Amino acid sequence: MSKEDRAVFEAVLAAQQKSRPAALATVIQTQGSVPRQPGSKMLVWPDGEIVGTVGGGEMEALVIQEAQAAIRDGQSRVLSYNLTDLASGDPGICGGTVNVFVEPLNPPPTVLVIGCGHVGKAVADLARWMEFRVLVADDRPGYATPENIPGMDGYFTSPPADVVEQVDITRQTCIAALTRGLVVDKQLIPALLETDAPYVGLIGSRRRWALTAQALMEDGLSRETLARVHAPIGLELGAETPKEIALSILSEIVMTLRGGTGESMQWLGSPE
């Protein structure tokens, strides 16, 4: 394996381990004179930075643009380029043709659990069993630790509102805020709503959320912004135990990520 290939594969592994979106471009077919042969690879990050190369020049610039589009829409694509005539708009003059397969690398979604009491621990354990990438955070020593919640992907001991500065929160990060009350929530919720997280859930009763929302609106947050918060957190399952509550929370997270409705799928019509 060449040093260049090793660097690309290491970047792919890092993207998966850190749950960072990226795209892998691979030369799959060539004809005639071309800068790179089949098997050449290039990893593209969302900002356009690359590891490896598929040939350089204008053609590579076009591949990078398509790779960034693939990261955004999640769709693979096969790109074909003629490298014959710059005057005709071709991205090169080598004389051959190149086909490049671009594959978005979609890391598993992350569940960030803020607050590692009984419910937080149950949420983290269930999310891990469901093969999410799981990060846990708590400001109390001994809570967000491998000894208390083994097998997680990251542990953070800090004030809840500071977690957003320590964790790279993306469109693949779902947040379960299982905090202890209004004082914490007033600082935490505005910080969470500044991120791209597709799901922000807050534990507590309807009354607790009503008081929190009112306090946040008095601080300047709009009702439309606060509508992003799933509060009280989870689907209504009549849950009582920590594990049952964790099930309701993960059900709502899956529903949000997959575009479900949460409605019963019971069907009493004809089987045909």
Protein backbone atom coordinates (compact mmCIF):
# COMPACT_ATOMS: atom_id res chain seq x y z
CA MET A 1 0.00 0.00 0.00
CA SER A 2 1.36 3.41 -0.96
CA LYS A 3 1.74 6.24 1.55
CA GLU A 4 -0.96 8.15 -0.32
CA ASP A 5 -3.44 5.27 -0.08
CA ARG A 6 -2.62 4.82 3.58
CA ALA A 7 -3.29 8.52 4.23
CA VAL A 8 -6.67 8.28 2.48
CA PHE A 9 -7.70 5.17 4.43
CA GLU A 10 -6.59 6.75 7.70
CA ALA A 11 -8.69 9.82 6.87
CA VAL A 12 -11.70 7.58 6.14
CA LEU A 13 -11.23 5.86 9.50
CA ALA A 14 -10.90 9.21 11.28
CA ALA A 15 -14.11 10.44 9.63
CA GLN A 16 -15.97 7.39 10.93
CA GLN A 17 -14.49 7.53 14.42
CA LYS A 18 -15.22 11.23 14.83
CA SER A 19 -18.59 11.04 13.03
CA ARG A 20 -17.44 13.64 10.48
CA PRO A 21 -19.13 13.75 7.10
CA ALA A 22 -16.89 13.26 4.07
CA ALA A 23 -16.93 11.76 0.58
CA LEU A 24 -14.61 9.28 -1.09
CA ALA A 25 -13.83 9.72 -4.80
CA THR A 26 -12.35 6.73 -6.64
CA VAL A 27 -11.17 6.50 -10.26
CA ILE A 28 -13.03 3.44 -11.54
CA GLN A 29 -12.37 3.46 -15.28
CA THR A 30 -10.03 5.21 -17.70
CA GLN A 31 -9.26 5.21 -21.41
CA GLY A 32 -6.33 6.78 -23.19
CA SER A 33 -3.90 9.16 -21.61
CA VAL A 34 -5.03 10.19 -18.11
CA PRO A 35 -3.30 11.55 -14.99
CA ARG A 36 -4.37 8.73 -12.61
CA GLN A 37 -5.25 5.07 -13.05
CA PRO A 38 -8.25 3.09 -11.70
CA GLY A 39 -8.11 2.68 -7.94
CA SER A 40 -6.76 6.16 -7.25
CA LYS A 41 -8.62 7.67 -4.31
CA MET A 42 -9.29 11.05 -2.76
CA LEU A 43 -11.15 11.89 0.43
CA VAL A 44 -13.03 15.20 0.42
CA TRP A 45 -14.09 17.04 3.57
CA PRO A 46 -17.15 19.35 3.58
CA ASP A 47 -14.96 22.47 3.36
CA GLY A 48 -13.24 21.17 0.21
CA GLU A 49 -10.01 20.08 1.86
CA ILE A 50 -8.70 16.81 0.42
CA VAL A 51 -6.52 13.82 1.21
CA GLY A 52 -5.09 12.07 -1.86
CA THR A 53 -5.77 12.98 -5.48
CA VAL A 54 -7.65 11.81 -8.55
CA GLY A 55 -5.52 13.77 -10.97
CA GLY A 56 -5.35 17.42 -10.03
CA GLY A 57 -6.24 20.39 -12.18
CA GLU A 58 -9.72 21.44 -13.29
CA MET A 59 -11.03 17.88 -13.33
CA GLU A 60 -10.16 17.38 -9.68
CA ALA A 61 -11.77 20.71 -8.81
CA LEU A 62 -15.00 19.49 -10.44
CA VAL A 63 -14.81 16.20 -8.54
CA ILE A 64 -14.39 18.10 -5.27
CA GLN A 65 -17.51 20.16 -6.02
CA GLU A 66 -19.49 17.00 -6.75
CA ALA A 67 -18.14 15.36 -3.61
CA GLN A 68 -19.31 18.31 -1.52
CA ALA A 69 -22.73 18.01 -3.15
CA ALA A 70 -22.76 14.29 -2.33
CA ILE A 71 -22.03 15.08 1.33
CA ARG A 72 -25.02 17.42 1.37
CA ASP A 73 -27.54 15.18 -0.40
CA GLY A 74 -26.21 11.78 0.65
CA GLN A 75 -26.30 10.42 -2.91
CA SER A 76 -23.52 8.53 -4.69
CA ARG A 77 -22.72 9.43 -8.27
CA VAL A 78 -20.54 8.36 -11.20
CA LEU A 79 -18.80 11.23 -12.97
CA SER A 80 -17.42 11.09 -16.49
CA TYR A 81 -14.85 13.50 -17.92
CA ASN A 82 -13.26 13.90 -21.35
CA LEU A 83 -9.72 15.31 -21.17
CA THR A 84 -9.31 16.32 -24.78
CA ASP A 85 -10.09 19.94 -25.54
CA LEU A 86 -9.97 22.88 -23.13
CA ALA A 87 -11.48 25.14 -25.78
CA SER A 88 -14.61 22.96 -25.78
CA GLY A 89 -14.92 23.14 -22.02
CA ASP A 90 -13.18 19.88 -21.18
CA PRO A 91 -11.33 19.91 -17.83
CA GLY A 92 -8.00 18.87 -19.32
CA ILE A 93 -6.03 18.01 -22.46
CA CYS A 94 -4.46 14.65 -21.59
CA GLY A 95 -6.41 13.01 -24.37
CA GLY A 96 -8.32 10.33 -22.47
CA THR A 97 -11.52 9.80 -20.48
CA VAL A 98 -11.98 9.24 -16.75
CA ASN A 99 -14.90 7.84 -14.75
CA VAL A 100 -14.95 8.65 -11.03
CA PHE A 101 -17.23 7.11 -8.41
CA VAL A 102 -18.10 9.50 -5.57
CA GLU A 103 -19.47 7.95 -2.40
CA PRO A 104 -20.66 10.00 0.58
CA LEU A 105 -19.43 8.59 3.86
CA ASN A 106 -22.35 8.91 6.20
CA PRO A 107 -21.15 8.25 9.75
CA PRO A 108 -23.64 6.83 12.22
CA PRO A 109 -25.67 9.57 13.89
CA THR A 110 -24.46 10.72 17.28
CA VAL A 111 -26.55 10.83 20.42
CA LEU A 112 -25.23 13.36 22.93
CA VAL A 113 -26.59 12.70 26.42
CA ILE A 114 -26.28 15.68 28.77
CA GLY A 115 -26.98 14.52 32.30
CA CYS A 116 -26.02 10.99 33.33
CA GLY A 117 -28.43 10.13 36.10
CA HIS A 118 -30.65 7.06 35.95
CA VAL A 119 -32.45 8.12 32.77
CA GLY A 120 -29.31 9.46 31.10
CA LYS A 121 -27.50 6.21 31.72
CA ALA A 122 -30.41 4.23 30.30
CA VAL A 123 -30.56 6.48 27.22
CA ALA A 124 -26.83 6.10 26.62
CA ASP A 125 -26.95 2.32 26.99
CA LEU A 126 -29.93 1.95 24.65
CA ALA A 127 -28.46 4.33 22.06
CA ARG A 128 -25.22 2.34 22.09
CA TRP A 129 -27.15 -0.92 21.64
CA MET A 130 -28.87 0.70 18.64
CA GLU A 131 -25.40 1.41 17.17
CA PHE A 132 -25.46 5.17 17.51
CA ARG A 133 -22.24 6.95 18.30
CA VAL A 134 -22.81 8.01 21.92
CA LEU A 135 -21.27 10.88 23.88
CA VAL A 136 -22.10 11.50 27.53
CA ALA A 137 -21.65 14.66 29.58
CA ASP A 138 -22.29 15.65 33.19
CA ASP A 139 -20.93 18.34 35.48
CA ARG A 140 -20.85 15.97 38.46
CA PRO A 141 -17.62 14.02 38.99
CA GLY A 142 -17.99 10.30 38.51
CA TYR A 143 -21.12 10.42 36.34
CA ALA A 144 -19.82 10.77 32.76
CA THR A 145 -17.09 8.18 33.16
CA PRO A 146 -16.24 4.76 31.68
CA GLU A 147 -16.70 3.27 35.14
CA ASN A 148 -20.28 4.53 35.41
CA ILE A 149 -21.31 4.14 31.75
CA PRO A 150 -18.87 1.81 29.98
CA GLY A 151 -18.48 1.54 26.23
CA MET A 152 -19.33 5.09 25.19
CA ASP A 153 -17.51 7.03 22.45
CA GLY A 154 -16.73 10.14 24.51
CA TYR A 155 -16.94 11.43 28.07
CA PHE A 156 -17.14 15.07 29.17
CA THR A 157 -17.19 16.50 32.69
CA SER A 158 -18.11 20.17 32.50
CA PRO A 159 -21.01 22.57 33.02
CA PRO A 160 -23.80 21.61 30.58
CA ALA A 161 -23.66 24.86 28.59
CA ASP A 162 -19.94 24.34 27.96
CA VAL A 163 -20.47 21.02 26.20
CA VAL A 164 -21.18 22.74 22.87
CA GLU A 165 -17.62 24.08 22.91
CA GLN A 166 -16.17 20.61 23.43
CA VAL A 167 -18.30 18.56 21.05
CA ASP A 168 -18.51 19.04 17.29
CA ILE A 169 -22.31 19.17 16.98
CA THR A 170 -23.46 18.60 13.40
CA ARG A 171 -26.63 17.72 11.49
CA GLN A 172 -25.87 14.15 12.55
CA THR A 173 -26.01 14.92 16.29
CA CYS A 174 -29.14 14.35 18.36
CA ILE A 175 -29.14 15.86 21.85
CA ALA A 176 -30.95 14.50 24.89
CA ALA A 177 -30.74 17.12 27.64
CA LEU A 178 -31.59 15.26 30.85
CA THR A 179 -30.79 18.13 33.18
CA ARG A 180 -31.86 19.06 36.68
CA GLY A 181 -33.87 22.24 36.31
CA LEU A 182 -34.55 25.77 35.11
CA VAL A 183 -31.25 27.35 36.17
CA VAL A 184 -29.27 24.92 34.03
CA ASP A 185 -31.75 24.97 31.14
CA LYS A 186 -31.69 28.77 30.78
CA GLN A 187 -27.98 28.59 29.95
CA LEU A 188 -27.99 25.31 28.06
CA ILE A 189 -30.95 25.61 25.67
CA PRO A 190 -29.77 28.82 23.90
CA ALA A 191 -26.35 27.24 23.34
CA LEU A 192 -27.92 24.08 21.90
CA LEU A 193 -30.21 26.04 19.60
CA GLU A 194 -27.20 27.75 18.03
CA THR A 195 -26.04 24.37 16.69
CA ASP A 196 -27.19 22.38 13.65
CA ALA A 197 -28.52 19.51 15.74
CA PRO A 198 -31.67 18.05 14.11
CA TYR A 199 -33.03 16.99 17.48
CA VAL A 200 -32.86 18.80 20.82
CA GLY A 201 -34.91 17.16 23.56
CA LEU A 202 -35.35 18.39 27.13
CA ILE A 203 -36.61 16.23 29.97
CA GLY A 204 -39.20 17.47 32.43
CA SER A 205 -42.89 18.15 32.89
CA ARG A 206 -45.02 20.43 30.73
CA ARG A 207 -45.00 22.96 33.57
CA ARG A 208 -41.21 22.92 33.75
CA TRP A 209 -40.96 23.52 30.00
CA ALA A 210 -43.59 26.27 30.12
CA LEU A 211 -41.60 28.11 32.80
CA THR A 212 -38.33 27.56 30.96
CA ALA A 213 -39.76 28.72 27.63
CA GLN A 214 -41.23 31.83 29.23
CA ALA A 215 -37.90 32.71 30.83
CA LEU A 216 -36.06 32.17 27.55
CA MET A 217 -38.53 34.33 25.61
CA GLU A 218 -38.01 37.07 28.17
CA ASP A 219 -34.30 36.74 27.41
CA GLY A 220 -34.97 37.30 23.72
CA LEU A 221 -35.51 33.87 22.14
CA SER A 222 -38.50 33.66 19.81
CA ARG A 223 -41.31 31.15 20.08
CA GLU A 224 -40.38 29.87 16.61
CA THR A 225 -36.81 29.17 17.74
CA LEU A 226 -37.99 27.39 20.87
CA ALA A 227 -40.28 25.22 18.76
CA ARG A 228 -37.16 23.23 17.81
CA VAL A 229 -37.02 21.84 21.33
CA HIS A 230 -38.81 18.55 21.94
CA ALA A 231 -40.13 19.17 25.42
CA PRO A 232 -41.23 17.23 27.32
CA ILE A 233 -38.80 14.84 25.66
CA GLY A 234 -39.87 11.56 24.04
CA LEU A 235 -43.02 9.97 22.67
CA GLU A 236 -46.02 9.37 24.90
CA LEU A 237 -45.69 5.68 25.84
CA GLY A 238 -46.89 5.92 29.40
CA ALA A 239 -43.28 5.23 30.37
CA GLU A 240 -42.32 5.10 34.04
CA THR A 241 -38.97 3.35 34.54
CA PRO A 242 -35.66 4.80 33.29
CA LYS A 243 -35.45 2.13 30.59
CA GLU A 244 -39.01 2.80 29.44
CA ILE A 245 -38.31 6.55 29.34
CA ALA A 246 -35.13 5.84 27.36
CA LEU A 247 -37.22 3.85 24.87
CA SER A 248 -39.60 6.79 24.41
CA ILE A 249 -36.68 9.18 23.87
CA LEU A 250 -34.86 6.97 21.36
CA SER A 251 -38.17 6.34 19.57
CA GLU A 252 -38.61 10.08 19.08
CA ILE A 253 -35.01 10.46 17.91
CA VAL A 254 -35.44 7.69 15.33
CA MET A 255 -38.76 9.19 14.23
CA THR A 256 -37.07 12.56 13.71
CA LEU A 257 -34.12 11.14 11.79
CA ARG A 258 -36.22 8.84 9.60
CA GLY A 259 -39.16 11.16 8.99
CA GLY A 260 -41.70 8.99 10.79
CA THR A 261 -44.97 10.12 12.35
CA GLY A 262 -45.06 8.20 15.62
CA GLU A 263 -48.53 6.91 14.76
CA SER A 264 -49.57 3.31 15.25
CA MET A 265 -49.08 1.12 12.18
CA GLN A 266 -52.07 -1.06 13.07
CA TRP A 267 -54.03 -1.97 9.95
CA LEU A 268 -57.54 -3.47 9.93
CA GLY A 269 -58.16 -3.35 6.19
CA SER A 270 -57.83 -6.00 3.54
CA PRO A 271 -54.46 -7.85 3.42
CA GLU A 272 -54.42 -7.43 -0.36
